[in-house]
Amino acid sequence: MAGNEPKHSAISHATSLEEMGAFWDAHDFTDYDTDAPDVEIKLTRVVPIEAALLQALRQQAQQRGVTVETLVNLWLQQKLIDETRSAA
């Protein structure tokens, strides 16, 4: 492809996001899924945290040698286990 030619989608041949959207609104991906590899999708949510609380979490995570995300997930999992036990 020469440098001045517009880039396009391999399947829809669209040259803009709007064209791609219109194509996929009218077509089913499974009709084109010939050799696409399976992928694992990881969903992530963003939860607002007060700045001071985030700083304290960062310090705790650093002391434990883990990321803030790992620490928060571990603590939330433990809290859910504790709550489930106390509700039983």
PDB file of N, CA and C in Angstrom:
ATOM      1  N   MET A   1       0.837  -1.171   0.000  1.00  0.00           N
ATOM      2  CA  MET A   1       0.000   0.000   0.000  1.00  0.00           C
ATOM      3  C   MET A   1       0.886   1.240   0.000  1.00  0.00           C
ATOM      4  N   ALA A   2       0.662   2.165  -0.893  1.00  0.00           N
ATOM      5  CA  ALA A   2       1.468   3.381  -0.963  1.00  0.00           C
ATOM      6  C   ALA A   2       1.120   4.300   0.188  1.00  0.00           C
ATOM      7  N   GLY A   3       2.023   5.179   0.548  1.00  0.00           N
ATOM      8  CA  GLY A   3       1.841   6.039   1.692  1.00  0.00           C
ATOM      9  C   GLY A   3       0.658   6.984   1.597  1.00  0.00           C
ATOM     10  N   ASN A   4       0.227   7.353   0.370  1.00  0.00           N
ATOM     11  CA  ASN A   4      -0.862   8.313   0.204  1.00  0.00           C
ATOM     12  C   ASN A   4      -2.233   7.656   0.127  1.00  0.00           C
ATOM     13  N   GLU A   5      -2.285   6.326  -0.004  1.00  0.00           N
ATOM     14  CA  GLU A   5      -3.569   5.651  -0.116  1.00  0.00           C
ATOM     15  C   GLU A   5      -4.235   5.577   1.249  1.00  0.00           C
ATOM     16  N   PRO A   6      -5.581   5.776   1.282  1.00  0.00           N
ATOM     17  CA  PRO A   6      -6.266   5.674   2.572  1.00  0.00           C
ATOM     18  C   PRO A   6      -6.241   4.244   3.091  1.00  0.00           C
ATOM     19  N   LYS A   7      -6.114   4.083   4.393  1.00  0.00           N
ATOM     20  CA  LYS A   7      -6.160   2.759   4.993  1.00  0.00           C
ATOM     21  C   LYS A   7      -7.618   2.320   5.063  1.00  0.00           C
ATOM     22  N   HIS A   8      -7.815   1.010   4.982  1.00  0.00           N
ATOM     23  CA  HIS A   8      -9.184   0.515   5.062  1.00  0.00           C
ATOM     24  C   HIS A   8      -9.226  -0.794   5.844  1.00  0.00           C
ATOM     25  N   SER A   9     -10.412  -1.097   6.343  1.00  0.00           N
ATOM     26  CA  SER A   9     -10.634  -2.320   7.094  1.00  0.00           C
ATOM     27  C   SER A   9     -10.505  -3.513   6.156  1.00  0.00           C
ATOM     28  N   ALA A  10      -9.897  -4.595   6.643  1.00  0.00           N
ATOM     29  CA  ALA A  10      -9.671  -5.778   5.810  1.00  0.00           C
ATOM     30  C   ALA A  10     -10.973  -6.452   5.406  1.00  0.00           C
ATOM     31  N   ILE A  11     -11.980  -6.417   6.245  1.00  0.00           N
ATOM     32  CA  ILE A  11     -13.233  -7.113   5.929  1.00  0.00           C
ATOM     33  C   ILE A  11     -14.240  -6.170   5.290  1.00  0.00           C
ATOM     34  N   SER A  12     -14.520  -5.053   5.941  1.00  0.00           N
ATOM     35  CA  SER A  12     -15.568  -4.148   5.440  1.00  0.00           C
ATOM     36  C   SER A  12     -15.064  -3.206   4.357  1.00  0.00           C
ATOM     37  N   HIS A  13     -13.756  -3.049   4.257  1.00  0.00           N
ATOM     38  CA  HIS A  13     -13.113  -2.101   3.344  1.00  0.00           C
ATOM     39  C   HIS A  13     -13.502  -0.660   3.656  1.00  0.00           C
ATOM     40  N   ALA A  14     -13.967  -0.416   4.876  1.00  0.00           N
ATOM     41  CA  ALA A  14     -14.331   0.924   5.314  1.00  0.00           C
ATOM     42  C   ALA A  14     -13.076   1.742   5.540  1.00  0.00           C
ATOM     43  N   THR A  15     -13.177   3.027   5.304  1.00  0.00           N
ATOM     44  CA  THR A  15     -12.036   3.920   5.522  1.00  0.00           C
ATOM     45  C   THR A  15     -12.258   4.862   6.695  1.00  0.00           C
ATOM     46  N   SER A  16     -13.391   4.702   7.408  1.00  0.00           N
ATOM     47  CA  SER A  16     -13.646   5.527   8.592  1.00  0.00           C
ATOM     48  C   SER A  16     -14.348   4.681   9.644  1.00  0.00           C
ATOM     49  N   LEU A  17     -14.304   5.142  10.874  1.00  0.00           N
ATOM     50  CA  LEU A  17     -14.992   4.430  11.950  1.00  0.00           C
ATOM     51  C   LEU A  17     -16.498   4.399  11.706  1.00  0.00           C
ATOM     52  N   GLU A  18     -17.034   5.467  11.127  1.00  0.00           N
ATOM     53  CA  GLU A  18     -18.468   5.517  10.838  1.00  0.00           C
ATOM     54  C   GLU A  18     -18.846   4.455   9.814  1.00  0.00           C
ATOM     55  N   GLU A  19     -18.035   4.308   8.779  1.00  0.00           N
ATOM     56  CA  GLU A  19     -18.301   3.282   7.766  1.00  0.00           C
ATOM     57  C   GLU A  19     -18.196   1.883   8.364  1.00  0.00           C
ATOM     58  N   MET A  20     -17.188   1.672   9.228  1.00  0.00           N
ATOM     59  CA  MET A  20     -17.051   0.371   9.888  1.00  0.00           C
ATOM     60  C   MET A  20     -18.269   0.071  10.746  1.00  0.00           C
ATOM     61  N   GLY A  21     -18.708   1.075  11.500  1.00  0.00           N
ATOM     62  CA  GLY A  21     -19.886   0.896  12.340  1.00  0.00           C
ATOM     63  C   GLY A  21     -21.114   0.533  11.523  1.00  0.00           C
ATOM     64  N   ALA A  22     -21.306   1.226  10.414  1.00  0.00           N
ATOM     65  CA  ALA A  22     -22.462   0.943   9.551  1.00  0.00           C
ATOM     66  C   ALA A  22     -22.367  -0.467   8.982  1.00  0.00           C
ATOM     67  N   PHE A  23     -21.163  -0.889   8.590  1.00  0.00           N
ATOM     68  CA  PHE A  23     -20.988  -2.235   8.049  1.00  0.00           C
ATOM     69  C   PHE A  23     -21.353  -3.281   9.093  1.00  0.00           C
ATOM     70  N   TRP A  24     -20.804  -3.147  10.321  1.00  0.00           N
ATOM     71  CA  TRP A  24     -21.054  -4.164  11.339  1.00  0.00           C
ATOM     72  C   TRP A  24     -22.461  -4.092  11.905  1.00  0.00           C
ATOM     73  N   ASP A  25     -23.134  -2.946  11.782  1.00  0.00           N
ATOM     74  CA  ASP A  25     -24.548  -2.877  12.148  1.00  0.00           C
ATOM     75  C   ASP A  25     -25.395  -3.727  11.202  1.00  0.00           C
ATOM     76  N   ALA A  26     -24.915  -3.905   9.980  1.00  0.00           N
ATOM     77  CA  ALA A  26     -25.670  -4.636   8.973  1.00  0.00           C
ATOM     78  C   ALA A  26     -25.170  -6.057   8.736  1.00  0.00           C
ATOM     79  N   HIS A  27     -24.064  -6.452   9.367  1.00  0.00           N
ATOM     80  CA  HIS A  27     -23.474  -7.772   9.139  1.00  0.00           C
ATOM     81  C   HIS A  27     -23.203  -8.482  10.464  1.00  0.00           C
ATOM     82  N   ASP A  28     -23.139  -9.792  10.414  1.00  0.00           N
ATOM     83  CA  ASP A  28     -22.856 -10.616  11.591  1.00  0.00           C
ATOM     84  C   ASP A  28     -21.410 -11.092  11.520  1.00  0.00           C
ATOM     85  N   PHE A  29     -20.653 -10.835  12.602  1.00  0.00           N
ATOM     86  CA  PHE A  29     -19.239 -11.221  12.625  1.00  0.00           C
ATOM     87  C   PHE A  29     -19.053 -12.711  12.363  1.00  0.00           C
ATOM     88  N   THR A  30     -19.973 -13.538  12.845  1.00  0.00           N
ATOM     89  CA  THR A  30     -19.804 -14.987  12.682  1.00  0.00           C
ATOM     90  C   THR A  30     -19.804 -15.400  11.214  1.00  0.00           C
ATOM     91  N   ASP A  31     -20.354 -14.571  10.344  1.00  0.00           N
ATOM     92  CA  ASP A  31     -20.297 -14.875   8.908  1.00  0.00           C
ATOM     93  C   ASP A  31     -18.885 -14.691   8.357  1.00  0.00           C
ATOM     94  N   TYR A  32     -18.044 -13.959   9.075  1.00  0.00           N
ATOM     95  CA  TYR A  32     -16.683 -13.661   8.613  1.00  0.00           C
ATOM     96  C   TYR A  32     -15.616 -14.306   9.486  1.00  0.00           C
ATOM     97  N   ASP A  33     -16.027 -15.015  10.517  1.00  0.00           N
ATOM     98  CA  ASP A  33     -15.104 -15.618  11.481  1.00  0.00           C
ATOM     99  C   ASP A  33     -14.560 -16.933  10.934  1.00  0.00           C
ATOM    100  N   THR A  34     -13.584 -16.850  10.068  1.00  0.00           N
ATOM    101  CA  THR A  34     -13.030 -18.063   9.471  1.00  0.00           C
ATOM    102  C   THR A  34     -11.852 -18.603  10.266  1.00  0.00           C
ATOM    103  N   ASP A  35     -10.934 -17.748  10.616  1.00  0.00           N
ATOM    104  CA  ASP A  35      -9.760 -18.220  11.342  1.00  0.00           C
ATOM    105  C   ASP A  35      -9.355 -17.268  12.468  1.00  0.00           C
ATOM    106  N   ALA A  36     -10.311 -16.471  12.923  1.00  0.00           N
ATOM    107  CA  ALA A  36     -10.009 -15.561  14.019  1.00  0.00           C
ATOM    108  C   ALA A  36      -9.793 -16.361  15.302  1.00  0.00           C
ATOM    109  N   PRO A  37      -8.720 -16.082  16.026  1.00  0.00           N
ATOM    110  CA  PRO A  37      -8.454 -16.832  17.263  1.00  0.00           C
ATOM    111  C   PRO A  37      -9.442 -16.439  18.361  1.00  0.00           C
ATOM    112  N   ASP A  38      -9.730 -17.380  19.250  1.00  0.00           N
ATOM    113  CA  ASP A  38     -10.543 -17.075  20.415  1.00  0.00           C
ATOM    114  C   ASP A  38      -9.729 -16.195  21.349  1.00  0.00           C
ATOM    115  N   VAL A  39     -10.389 -15.247  21.964  1.00  0.00           N
ATOM    116  CA  VAL A  39      -9.708 -14.370  22.913  1.00  0.00           C
ATOM    117  C   VAL A  39     -10.461 -14.367  24.234  1.00  0.00           C
ATOM    118  N   GLU A  40      -9.719 -14.144  25.300  1.00  0.00           N
ATOM    119  CA  GLU A  40     -10.330 -14.025  26.610  1.00  0.00           C
ATOM    120  C   GLU A  40     -10.544 -12.546  26.886  1.00  0.00           C
ATOM    121  N   ILE A  41     -11.746 -12.215  27.300  1.00  0.00           N
ATOM    122  CA  ILE A  41     -12.074 -10.824  27.582  1.00  0.00           C
ATOM    123  C   ILE A  41     -12.101 -10.621  29.085  1.00  0.00           C
ATOM    124  N   LYS A  42     -11.393  -9.617  29.527  1.00  0.00           N
ATOM    125  CA  LYS A  42     -11.350  -9.287  30.946  1.00  0.00           C
ATOM    126  C   LYS A  42     -12.073  -7.957  31.134  1.00  0.00           C
ATOM    127  N   LEU A  43     -13.158  -7.982  31.886  1.00  0.00           N
ATOM    128  CA  LEU A  43     -13.914  -6.761  32.135  1.00  0.00           C
ATOM    129  C   LEU A  43     -13.319  -6.025  33.322  1.00  0.00           C
ATOM    130  N   THR A  44     -13.235  -4.731  33.201  1.00  0.00           N
ATOM    131  CA  THR A  44     -12.696  -3.894  34.249  1.00  0.00           C
ATOM    132  C   THR A  44     -13.691  -2.777  34.529  1.00  0.00           C
ATOM    133  N   ARG A  45     -13.857  -2.465  35.793  1.00  0.00           N
ATOM    134  CA  ARG A  45     -14.722  -1.359  36.195  1.00  0.00           C
ATOM    135  C   ARG A  45     -13.883  -0.308  36.902  1.00  0.00           C
ATOM    136  N   VAL A  46     -14.282   0.926  36.755  1.00  0.00           N
ATOM    137  CA  VAL A  46     -13.609   2.020  37.437  1.00  0.00           C
ATOM    138  C   VAL A  46     -14.509   2.458  38.581  1.00  0.00           C
ATOM    139  N   VAL A  47     -13.940   2.540  39.768  1.00  0.00           N
ATOM    140  CA  VAL A  47     -14.678   2.976  40.946  1.00  0.00           C
ATOM    141  C   VAL A  47     -13.949   4.187  41.514  1.00  0.00           C
ATOM    142  N   PRO A  48     -14.643   5.308  41.635  1.00  0.00           N
ATOM    143  CA  PRO A  48     -13.982   6.493  42.197  1.00  0.00           C
ATOM    144  C   PRO A  48     -13.560   6.258  43.646  1.00  0.00           C
ATOM    145  N   ILE A  49     -12.360   6.687  43.982  1.00  0.00           N
ATOM    146  CA  ILE A  49     -11.828   6.556  45.337  1.00  0.00           C
ATOM    147  C   ILE A  49     -11.294   7.925  45.744  1.00  0.00           C
ATOM    148  N   GLU A  50     -11.584   8.308  46.979  1.00  0.00           N
ATOM    149  CA  GLU A  50     -11.090   9.587  47.473  1.00  0.00           C
ATOM    150  C   GLU A  50      -9.562   9.604  47.396  1.00  0.00           C
ATOM    151  N   ALA A  51      -8.999  10.775  47.125  1.00  0.00           N
ATOM    152  CA  ALA A  51      -7.554  10.913  46.918  1.00  0.00           C
ATOM    153  C   ALA A  51      -6.755  10.430  48.124  1.00  0.00           C
ATOM    154  N   ALA A  52      -7.187  10.797  49.324  1.00  0.00           N
ATOM    155  CA  ALA A  52      -6.447  10.389  50.523  1.00  0.00           C
ATOM    156  C   ALA A  52      -6.502   8.881  50.717  1.00  0.00           C
ATOM    157  N   LEU A  53      -7.652   8.282  50.420  1.00  0.00           N
ATOM    158  CA  LEU A  53      -7.788   6.837  50.537  1.00  0.00           C
ATOM    159  C   LEU A  53      -6.904   6.131  49.502  1.00  0.00           C
ATOM    160  N   LEU A  54      -6.848   6.670  48.308  1.00  0.00           N
ATOM    161  CA  LEU A  54      -5.988   6.088  47.274  1.00  0.00           C
ATOM    162  C   LEU A  54      -4.522   6.146  47.687  1.00  0.00           C
ATOM    163  N   GLN A  55      -4.119   7.237  48.274  1.00  0.00           N
ATOM    164  CA  GLN A  55      -2.725   7.360  48.718  1.00  0.00           C
ATOM    165  C   GLN A  55      -2.416   6.322  49.790  1.00  0.00           C
ATOM    166  N   ALA A  56      -3.339   6.124  50.723  1.00  0.00           N
ATOM    167  CA  ALA A  56      -3.142   5.120  51.767  1.00  0.00           C
ATOM    168  C   ALA A  56      -3.085   3.721  51.155  1.00  0.00           C
ATOM    169  N   LEU A  57      -3.914   3.470  50.164  1.00  0.00           N
ATOM    170  CA  LEU A  57      -3.881   2.171  49.478  1.00  0.00           C
ATOM    171  C   LEU A  57      -2.549   1.964  48.760  1.00  0.00           C
ATOM    172  N   ARG A  58      -2.052   3.011  48.136  1.00  0.00           N
ATOM    173  CA  ARG A  58      -0.756   2.915  47.453  1.00  0.00           C
ATOM    174  C   ARG A  58       0.356   2.548  48.434  1.00  0.00           C
ATOM    175  N   GLN A  59       0.340   3.184  49.592  1.00  0.00           N
ATOM    176  CA  GLN A  59       1.358   2.895  50.598  1.00  0.00           C
ATOM    177  C   GLN A  59       1.253   1.455  51.083  1.00  0.00           C
ATOM    178  N   GLN A  60       0.037   0.996  51.360  1.00  0.00           N
ATOM    179  CA  GLN A  60      -0.160  -0.381  51.812  1.00  0.00           C
ATOM    180  C   GLN A  60       0.275  -1.374  50.737  1.00  0.00           C
ATOM    181  N   ALA A  61      -0.070  -1.095  49.511  1.00  0.00           N
ATOM    182  CA  ALA A  61       0.290  -1.986  48.402  1.00  0.00           C
ATOM    183  C   ALA A  61       1.805  -2.049  48.247  1.00  0.00           C
ATOM    184  N   GLN A  62       2.462  -0.906  48.331  1.00  0.00           N
ATOM    185  CA  GLN A  62       3.918  -0.871  48.204  1.00  0.00           C
ATOM    186  C   GLN A  62       4.579  -1.662  49.322  1.00  0.00           C
ATOM    187  N   GLN A  63       4.081  -1.538  50.536  1.00  0.00           N
ATOM    188  CA  GLN A  63       4.637  -2.283  51.668  1.00  0.00           C
ATOM    189  C   GLN A  63       4.508  -3.791  51.458  1.00  0.00           C
ATOM    190  N   ARG A  64       3.443  -4.204  50.777  1.00  0.00           N
ATOM    191  CA  ARG A  64       3.193  -5.631  50.552  1.00  0.00           C
ATOM    192  C   ARG A  64       3.791  -6.137  49.242  1.00  0.00           C
ATOM    193  N   GLY A  65       4.307  -5.212  48.433  1.00  0.00           N
ATOM    194  CA  GLY A  65       4.924  -5.608  47.167  1.00  0.00           C
ATOM    195  C   GLY A  65       3.928  -6.034  46.110  1.00  0.00           C
ATOM    196  N   VAL A  66       2.723  -5.442  46.150  1.00  0.00           N
ATOM    197  CA  VAL A  66       1.695  -5.754  45.150  1.00  0.00           C
ATOM    198  C   VAL A  66       1.177  -4.454  44.561  1.00  0.00           C
ATOM    199  N   THR A  67       0.388  -4.570  43.502  1.00  0.00           N
ATOM    200  CA  THR A  67      -0.228  -3.380  42.928  1.00  0.00           C
ATOM    201  C   THR A  67      -1.441  -2.979  43.759  1.00  0.00           C
ATOM    202  N   VAL A  68      -1.857  -1.740  43.595  1.00  0.00           N
ATOM    203  CA  VAL A  68      -3.058  -1.263  44.279  1.00  0.00           C
ATOM    204  C   VAL A  68      -4.254  -2.117  43.866  1.00  0.00           C
ATOM    205  N   GLU A  69      -4.342  -2.450  42.581  1.00  0.00           N
ATOM    206  CA  GLU A  69      -5.459  -3.249  42.082  1.00  0.00           C
ATOM    207  C   GLU A  69      -5.510  -4.613  42.766  1.00  0.00           C
ATOM    208  N   THR A  70      -4.338  -5.246  42.904  1.00  0.00           N
ATOM    209  CA  THR A  70      -4.280  -6.551  43.558  1.00  0.00           C
ATOM    210  C   THR A  70      -4.708  -6.436  45.009  1.00  0.00           C
ATOM    211  N   LEU A  71      -4.194  -5.441  45.711  1.00  0.00           N
ATOM    212  CA  LEU A  71      -4.535  -5.257  47.122  1.00  0.00           C
ATOM    213  C   LEU A  71      -6.034  -5.027  47.290  1.00  0.00           C
ATOM    214  N   VAL A  72      -6.605  -4.146  46.494  1.00  0.00           N
ATOM    215  CA  VAL A  72      -8.035  -3.855  46.604  1.00  0.00           C
ATOM    216  C   VAL A  72      -8.859  -5.106  46.305  1.00  0.00           C
ATOM    217  N   ASN A  73      -8.499  -5.851  45.284  1.00  0.00           N
ATOM    218  CA  ASN A  73      -9.231  -7.075  44.962  1.00  0.00           C
ATOM    219  C   ASN A  73      -9.147  -8.094  46.087  1.00  0.00           C
ATOM    220  N   LEU A  74      -7.955  -8.270  46.671  1.00  0.00           N
ATOM    221  CA  LEU A  74      -7.804  -9.202  47.789  1.00  0.00           C
ATOM    222  C   LEU A  74      -8.644  -8.782  48.980  1.00  0.00           C
ATOM    223  N   TRP A  75      -8.602  -7.490  49.314  1.00  0.00           N
ATOM    224  CA  TRP A  75      -9.363  -7.003  50.458  1.00  0.00           C
ATOM    225  C   TRP A  75     -10.868  -7.120  50.220  1.00  0.00           C
ATOM    226  N   LEU A  76     -11.313  -6.809  49.016  1.00  0.00           N
ATOM    227  CA  LEU A  76     -12.740  -6.933  48.717  1.00  0.00           C
ATOM    228  C   LEU A  76     -13.190  -8.392  48.753  1.00  0.00           C
ATOM    229  N   GLN A  77     -12.374  -9.293  48.224  1.00  0.00           N
ATOM    230  CA  GLN A  77     -12.715 -10.711  48.283  1.00  0.00           C
ATOM    231  C   GLN A  77     -12.836 -11.173  49.724  1.00  0.00           C
ATOM    232  N   GLN A  78     -11.886 -10.766  50.574  1.00  0.00           N
ATOM    233  CA  GLN A  78     -11.926 -11.158  51.983  1.00  0.00           C
ATOM    234  C   GLN A  78     -13.153 -10.585  52.672  1.00  0.00           C
ATOM    235  N   LYS A  79     -13.484  -9.344  52.380  1.00  0.00           N
ATOM    236  CA  LYS A  79     -14.663  -8.715  52.987  1.00  0.00           C
ATOM    237  C   LYS A  79     -15.928  -9.458  52.573  1.00  0.00           C
ATOM    238  N   LEU A  80     -16.044  -9.844  51.326  1.00  0.00           N
ATOM    239  CA  LEU A  80     -17.216 -10.598  50.863  1.00  0.00           C
ATOM    240  C   LEU A  80     -17.310 -11.955  51.556  1.00  0.00           C
ATOM    241  N   ILE A  81     -16.182 -12.615  51.724  1.00  0.00           N
ATOM    242  CA  ILE A  81     -16.171 -13.905  52.435  1.00  0.00           C
ATOM    243  C   ILE A  81     -16.638 -13.694  53.876  1.00  0.00           C
ATOM    244  N   ASP A  82     -16.105 -12.678  54.538  1.00  0.00           N
ATOM    245  CA  ASP A  82     -16.482 -12.394  55.919  1.00  0.00           C
ATOM    246  C   ASP A  82     -17.983 -12.069  56.024  1.00  0.00           C
ATOM    247  N   GLU A  83     -18.475 -11.266  55.109  1.00  0.00           N
ATOM    248  CA  GLU A  83     -19.899 -10.888  55.122  1.00  0.00           C
ATOM    249  C   GLU A  83     -20.791 -12.091  54.868  1.00  0.00           C
ATOM    250  N   THR A  84     -20.379 -12.977  53.977  1.00  0.00           N
ATOM    251  CA  THR A  84     -21.150 -14.177  53.677  1.00  0.00           C
ATOM    252  C   THR A  84     -21.214 -15.083  54.897  1.00  0.00           C
ATOM    253  N   ARG A  85     -20.091 -15.224  55.579  1.00  0.00           N
ATOM    254  CA  ARG A  85     -20.034 -16.062  56.787  1.00  0.00           C
ATOM    255  C   ARG A  85     -20.917 -15.483  57.897  1.00  0.00           C
ATOM    256  N   SER A  86     -20.865 -14.168  58.091  1.00  0.00           N
ATOM    257  CA  SER A  86     -21.633 -13.568  59.177  1.00  0.00           C
ATOM    258  C   SER A  86     -23.135 -13.550  58.870  1.00  0.00           C
ATOM    259  N   ALA A  87     -23.488 -13.596  57.592  1.00  0.00           N
ATOM    260  CA  ALA A  87     -24.901 -13.617  57.214  1.00  0.00           C
ATOM    261  C   ALA A  87     -25.505 -15.001  57.334  1.00  0.00           C
ATOM    262  N   ALA A  88     -24.668 -16.013  57.365  1.00  0.00           N
ATOM    263  CA  ALA A  88     -25.169 -17.401  57.418  1.00  0.00           C
ATOM    264  C   ALA A  88     -25.616 -17.806  58.794  1.00  0.00           C
TER     265      ALA A  88
END
